[in-house]
Structure formats: C-alpha cells, structure tokens
C-alpha atoms as a PDB file:
ATOM      1  CA  UNK A   1    -118.764 -20.681 -71.729  1.00  0.00           C
ATOM      2  CA  UNK A   2    -120.994 -17.724 -70.913  1.00  0.00           C
ATOM      3  CA  UNK A   3    -119.694 -16.760 -67.187  1.00  0.00           C
ATOM      4  CA  UNK A   4    -123.129 -14.465 -67.057  1.00  0.00           C
ATOM      5  CA  UNK A   5    -124.915 -17.716 -67.028  1.00  0.00           C
ATOM      6  CA  UNK A   6    -122.907 -19.823 -64.707  1.00  0.00           C
ATOM      7  CA  UNK A   7    -124.520 -22.109 -62.071  1.00  0.00           C
ATOM      8  CA  UNK A   8    -125.701 -20.156 -58.564  1.00  0.00           C
ATOM      9  CA  UNK A   9    -124.025 -21.810 -55.661  1.00  0.00           C
ATOM     10  CA  UNK A  10    -126.247 -21.845 -52.411  1.00  0.00           C
ATOM     11  CA  UNK A  11    -124.593 -20.992 -48.749  1.00  0.00           C
ATOM     12  CA  UNK A  12    -126.883 -21.192 -45.646  1.00  0.00           C
ATOM     13  CA  UNK A  13    -124.936 -20.281 -42.350  1.00  0.00           C
ATOM     14  CA  UNK A  14    -125.957 -18.857 -38.924  1.00  0.00           C
ATOM     15  CA  UNK A  15    -124.244 -15.765 -38.162  1.00  0.00           C
ATOM     16  CA  UNK A  16    -121.727 -17.791 -36.147  1.00  0.00           C
ATOM     17  CA  UNK A  17    -120.284 -19.645 -38.872  1.00  0.00           C
ATOM     18  CA  UNK A  18    -120.396 -16.716 -41.189  1.00  0.00           C
ATOM     19  CA  UNK A  19    -116.553 -15.549 -41.901  1.00  0.00           C
ATOM     20  CA  UNK A  20    -115.648 -12.096 -41.922  1.00  0.00           C
ATOM     21  CA  UNK A  21    -114.894 -11.801 -45.556  1.00  0.00           C
ATOM     22  CA  UNK A  22    -118.663 -13.531 -46.181  1.00  0.00           C
ATOM     23  CA  UNK A  23    -120.496 -11.333 -43.084  1.00  0.00           C
ATOM     24  CA  UNK A  24    -118.707  -8.124 -45.292  1.00  0.00           C
ATOM     25  CA  UNK A  25    -120.287  -9.102 -48.826  1.00  0.00           C
ATOM     26  CA  UNK A  26    -123.749  -9.692 -47.693  1.00  0.00           C
ATOM     27  CA  UNK A  27    -123.942  -6.316 -45.469  1.00  0.00           C
ATOM     28  CA  UNK A  28    -122.675  -4.577 -48.561  1.00  0.00           C
ATOM     29  CA  UNK A  29    -124.844  -6.109 -50.989  1.00  0.00           C
ATOM     30  CA  UNK A  30    -128.152  -5.399 -48.872  1.00  0.00           C
ATOM     31  CA  UNK A  31    -126.319  -1.735 -47.930  1.00  0.00           C
ATOM     32  CA  UNK A  32    -126.158  -1.545 -51.876  1.00  0.00           C
ATOM     33  CA  UNK A  33    -129.719  -2.529 -52.142  1.00  0.00           C
ATOM     34  CA  UNK A  34    -131.742  -1.547 -49.282  1.00  0.00           C
ATOM     35  CA  UNK A  35    -129.843   1.799 -48.696  1.00  0.00           C
ATOM     36  CA  UNK A  36    -128.328   3.194 -51.640  1.00  0.00           C
ATOM     37  CA  UNK A  37    -130.627   1.859 -54.460  1.00  0.00           C
ATOM     38  CA  UNK A  38    -133.679   2.570 -52.770  1.00  0.00           C
ATOM     39  CA  UNK A  39    -132.521   5.823 -51.523  1.00  0.00           C
ATOM     40  CA  UNK A  40    -133.387   4.846 -47.828  1.00  0.00           C
ATOM     41  CA  UNK A  41    -131.165   5.742 -44.919  1.00  0.00           C
ATOM     42  CA  UNK A  42    -131.706   3.069 -42.079  1.00  0.00           C
ATOM     43  CA  UNK A  43    -129.863   0.894 -39.765  1.00  0.00           C
ATOM     44  CA  UNK A  44    -129.676  -2.371 -42.017  1.00  0.00           C
ATOM     45  CA  UNK A  45    -127.450  -4.513 -39.460  1.00  0.00           C
ATOM     46  CA  UNK A  46    -129.904  -5.144 -36.554  1.00  0.00           C
ATOM     47  CA  UNK A  47    -129.980  -7.993 -33.694  1.00  0.00           C
ATOM     48  CA  UNK A  48    -131.717 -10.026 -36.134  1.00  0.00           C
ATOM     49  CA  UNK A  49    -128.866 -11.330 -38.146  1.00  0.00           C
ATOM     50  CA  UNK A  50    -127.121 -12.372 -34.718  1.00  0.00           C
ATOM     51  CA  UNK A  51    -129.755 -15.362 -34.459  1.00  0.00           C
ATOM     52  CA  UNK A  52    -130.743 -15.968 -38.326  1.00  0.00           C
ATOM     53  CA  UNK A  53    -129.258 -18.033 -40.779  1.00  0.00           C
ATOM     54  CA  UNK A  54    -127.716 -16.548 -43.785  1.00  0.00           C
ATOM     55  CA  UNK A  55    -128.552 -17.678 -47.240  1.00  0.00           C
ATOM     56  CA  UNK A  56    -126.471 -16.818 -50.201  1.00  0.00           C
ATOM     57  CA  UNK A  57    -126.564 -17.277 -53.720  1.00  0.00           C
ATOM     58  CA  UNK A  58    -123.189 -17.107 -55.303  1.00  0.00           C
ATOM     59  CA  UNK A  59    -122.265 -16.529 -59.269  1.00  0.00           C
ATOM     60  CA  UNK A  60    -118.549 -16.295 -60.441  1.00  0.00           C
ATOM     61  CA  UNK A  61    -118.107 -16.790 -56.574  1.00  0.00           C
ATOM     62  CA  UNK A  62    -119.253 -13.077 -55.857  1.00  0.00           C
ATOM     63  CA  UNK A  63    -122.729 -12.703 -53.935  1.00  0.00           C
ATOM     64  CA  UNK A  64    -125.848 -12.565 -56.351  1.00  0.00           C
ATOM     65  CA  UNK A  65    -128.994 -13.228 -54.281  1.00  0.00           C
ATOM     66  CA  UNK A  66    -129.573 -13.110 -50.249  1.00  0.00           C
ATOM     67  CA  UNK A  67    -131.992 -13.635 -47.957  1.00  0.00           C
ATOM     68  CA  UNK A  68    -132.251 -13.822 -44.273  1.00  0.00           C
ATOM     69  CA  UNK A  69    -134.061 -16.521 -42.467  1.00  0.00           C
ATOM     70  CA  UNK A  70    -135.195 -15.795 -39.098  1.00  0.00           C
ATOM     71  CA  UNK A  71    -136.231 -17.978 -36.536  1.00  0.00           C
ATOM     72  CA  UNK A  72    -139.506 -17.784 -34.775  1.00  0.00           C
ATOM     73  CA  UNK A  73    -140.488 -15.631 -32.014  1.00  0.00           C
ATOM     74  CA  UNK A  74    -138.170 -13.086 -33.395  1.00  0.00           C
ATOM     75  CA  UNK A  75    -139.498 -10.982 -36.020  1.00  0.00           C
ATOM     76  CA  UNK A  76    -143.262 -13.144 -35.753  1.00  0.00           C
ATOM     77  CA  UNK A  77    -144.474 -16.017 -33.953  1.00  0.00           C
ATOM     78  CA  UNK A  78    -143.977 -17.921 -37.495  1.00  0.00           C
ATOM     79  CA  UNK A  79    -140.254 -18.008 -39.281  1.00  0.00           C
ATOM     80  CA  UNK A  80    -140.024 -15.354 -41.364  1.00  0.00           C
ATOM     81  CA  UNK A  81    -137.884 -14.211 -44.599  1.00  0.00           C
ATOM     82  CA  UNK A  82    -136.436 -11.061 -44.837  1.00  0.00           C
ATOM     83  CA  UNK A  83    -134.062  -8.758 -46.504  1.00  0.00           C
ATOM     84  CA  UNK A  84    -134.443 -10.813 -49.843  1.00  0.00           C
ATOM     85  CA  UNK A  85    -132.563  -9.268 -52.767  1.00  0.00           C
ATOM     86  CA  UNK A  86    -130.773  -9.875 -56.111  1.00  0.00           C
ATOM     87  CA  UNK A  87    -128.016  -8.053 -57.265  1.00  0.00           C
ATOM     88  CA  UNK A  88    -128.684  -5.075 -59.827  1.00  0.00           C
ATOM     89  CA  UNK A  89    -126.575  -6.893 -62.244  1.00  0.00           C
ATOM     90  CA  UNK A  90    -128.440 -10.366 -62.093  1.00  0.00           C
ATOM     91  CA  UNK A  91    -132.071  -9.056 -61.803  1.00  0.00           C
ATOM     92  CA  UNK A  92    -134.806 -10.167 -64.506  1.00  0.00           C
ATOM     93  CA  UNK A  93    -132.690 -13.660 -65.291  1.00  0.00           C
ATOM     94  CA  UNK A  94    -135.200 -15.385 -62.880  1.00  0.00           C
ATOM     95  CA  UNK A  95    -132.575 -15.697 -59.760  1.00  0.00           C
ATOM     96  CA  UNK A  96    -135.181 -14.211 -57.389  1.00  0.00           C
ATOM     97  CA  UNK A  97    -137.465 -17.311 -57.924  1.00  0.00           C
ATOM     98  CA  UNK A  98    -134.289 -19.499 -57.392  1.00  0.00           C
ATOM     99  CA  UNK A  99    -133.587 -17.587 -54.377  1.00  0.00           C
ATOM    100  CA  UNK A 100    -137.022 -18.004 -52.826  1.00  0.00           C
ATOM    101  CA  UNK A 101    -137.390 -21.732 -53.586  1.00  0.00           C
ATOM    102  CA  UNK A 102    -134.156 -22.177 -52.020  1.00  0.00           C
ATOM    103  CA  UNK A 103    -135.173 -19.958 -49.163  1.00  0.00           C
ATOM    104  CA  UNK A 104    -138.400 -22.015 -48.783  1.00  0.00           C
ATOM    105  CA  UNK A 105    -136.328 -25.565 -48.957  1.00  0.00           C
ATOM    106  CA  UNK A 106    -133.805 -24.394 -46.481  1.00  0.00           C
ATOM    107  CA  UNK A 107    -136.433 -23.248 -43.772  1.00  0.00           C
ATOM    108  CA  UNK A 108    -138.050 -26.789 -44.224  1.00  0.00           C
ATOM    109  CA  UNK A 109    -134.959 -28.379 -43.827  1.00  0.00           C
ATOM    110  CA  UNK A 110    -134.154 -25.919 -40.399  1.00  0.00           C
ATOM    111  CA  UNK A 111    -137.692 -26.013 -39.120  1.00  0.00           C
ATOM    112  CA  UNK A 112    -139.575 -28.614 -40.758  1.00  0.00           C
ATOM    113  CA  UNK A 113    -143.192 -27.986 -42.607  1.00  0.00           C
ATOM    114  CA  UNK A 114    -144.028 -24.753 -40.841  1.00  0.00           C
ATOM    115  CA  UNK A 115    -145.853 -21.217 -41.789  1.00  0.00           C
ATOM    116  CA  UNK A 116    -143.618 -18.653 -42.822  1.00  0.00           C
ATOM    117  CA  UNK A 117    -144.767 -14.687 -42.699  1.00  0.00           C
ATOM    118  CA  UNK A 118    -142.678 -11.746 -44.461  1.00  0.00           C
ATOM    119  CA  UNK A 119    -143.157  -7.990 -44.752  1.00  0.00           C
ATOM    120  CA  UNK A 120    -143.162  -7.436 -48.494  1.00  0.00           C
ATOM    121  CA  UNK A 121    -142.690  -4.205 -50.453  1.00  0.00           C
ATOM    122  CA  UNK A 122    -145.814  -3.633 -52.230  1.00  0.00           C
ATOM    123  CA  UNK A 123    -145.016  -3.762 -55.660  1.00  0.00           C
ATOM    124  CA  UNK A 124    -143.659  -7.178 -55.110  1.00  0.00           C
ATOM    125  CA  UNK A 125    -146.929  -8.698 -53.818  1.00  0.00           C
ATOM    126  CA  UNK A 126    -147.704 -10.934 -56.960  1.00  0.00           C
ATOM    127  CA  UNK A 127    -144.232 -11.970 -56.894  1.00  0.00           C
ATOM    128  CA  UNK A 128    -144.332 -13.509 -53.304  1.00  0.00           C
ATOM    129  CA  UNK A 129    -148.337 -14.610 -54.429  1.00  0.00           C
ATOM    130  CA  UNK A 130    -146.700 -16.908 -56.867  1.00  0.00           C
ATOM    131  CA  UNK A 131    -144.940 -18.757 -53.658  1.00  0.00           C
ATOM    132  CA  UNK A 132    -148.484 -19.031 -51.626  1.00  0.00           C
ATOM    133  CA  UNK A 133    -148.326 -16.026 -49.466  1.00  0.00           C
ATOM    134  CA  UNK A 134    -151.384 -13.939 -48.936  1.00  0.00           C
ATOM    135  CA  UNK A 135    -151.754 -10.529 -47.628  1.00  0.00           C
ATOM    136  CA  UNK A 136    -152.774 -10.399 -44.240  1.00  0.00           C
ATOM    137  CA  UNK A 137    -153.853  -6.888 -42.398  1.00  0.00           C
ATOM    138  CA  UNK A 138    -153.386  -3.728 -43.790  1.00  0.00           C
ATOM    139  CA  UNK A 139    -150.763  -1.849 -45.701  1.00  0.00           C
ATOM    140  CA  UNK A 140    -148.571   0.140 -43.650  1.00  0.00           C
ATOM    141  CA  UNK A 141    -144.937   2.056 -44.159  1.00  0.00           C
ATOM    142  CA  UNK A 142    -141.643   0.846 -43.100  1.00  0.00           C
ATOM    143  CA  UNK A 143    -138.645   2.873 -43.695  1.00  0.00           C
ATOM    144  CA  UNK A 144    -141.155   5.078 -45.925  1.00  0.00           C
ATOM    145  CA  UNK A 145    -141.768   2.350 -48.290  1.00  0.00           C
ATOM    146  CA  UNK A 146    -144.953   0.957 -48.579  1.00  0.00           C
ATOM    147  CA  UNK A 147    -145.012  -2.763 -46.998  1.00  0.00           C
ATOM    148  CA  UNK A 148    -148.042  -5.913 -46.542  1.00  0.00           C
ATOM    149  CA  UNK A 149    -147.543  -8.701 -44.034  1.00  0.00           C
ATOM    150  CA  UNK A 150    -147.751 -11.744 -45.877  1.00  0.00           C
ATOM    151  CA  UNK A 151    -148.403 -15.652 -44.731  1.00  0.00           C
ATOM    152  CA  UNK A 152    -147.750 -18.653 -45.963  1.00  0.00           C
ATOM    153  CA  UNK A 153    -149.053 -21.321 -44.475  1.00  0.00           C
END
C-alpha cells in the first residue's frame, strides 16, 4: 500500500481541547509555511487562536493540512477561515480542496448556514472562487503580501 496516498483523518478542536503536542504541530506547520517558506517575519500566534477552532488533516499521523475557524465578531462580523495551508510535501494532491470542503462543513456544524469572510492571498483568488467566495473591496497588503477580502454568502 502506498503510504503517501493514505486517507486524511480530520480533527477539529477548540484551543482549550488541543494537547500540547497538537498545538506544537499546528504552530510548527504554520511557522514553516507562513514565516519560513513565505519569508515573512510576523507574529503568527495571536489572540484569535485562543477563541478559534483548529482543523487539522493528518496523513500518516502527521499534520498535512490546517485551517483556523474564527468565530463571528473576532476578525469580521462573519465567521472566518484563516491560516489555510497544506504541508509542502502534500501540495498538488487536491488536499487544499479537501481542506476547504472540510472547513466549510465544520463551520456549518458549529455555526449553521452562515456567511464566511476570508482574507485571501491574491494569487489564490481563483481557488477560493471555486468555493463561492467573491472579492469585496480593494486588494491590500498584509505583512507585505497582497491580499483580497472575500465573502461567501
């Protein structure tokens, strides 16, 4: 059996239920992608982590995909999906699509049918449009990277 194609096991937990090991894995993966790979020095862990749900996709018991599900009235008036990533070794396998599907499904479970607002890196706009997100407002720089606010009603 090809272990690289193993099924993804999803876990969605509030911050208070994460183990120290789970939190370490999440922060390490986020740092690897957003700070090291994107060469962007910024404070990744923030107060939003404490009130958010953390969705992790595990492959071979290692985190391969992640998103942060932020409650309404924290980043925006709507629920938000942030810190969306897949590990470098799992990219181009469709895992990003599975992650967004799971993120939206978890939001429906947690908050019911609702609008979702995101801050998307501009090069990913076509990816998010596949999920019904539409650009709102003007592009802006966040930590030196072009972003676009998007809304899914």
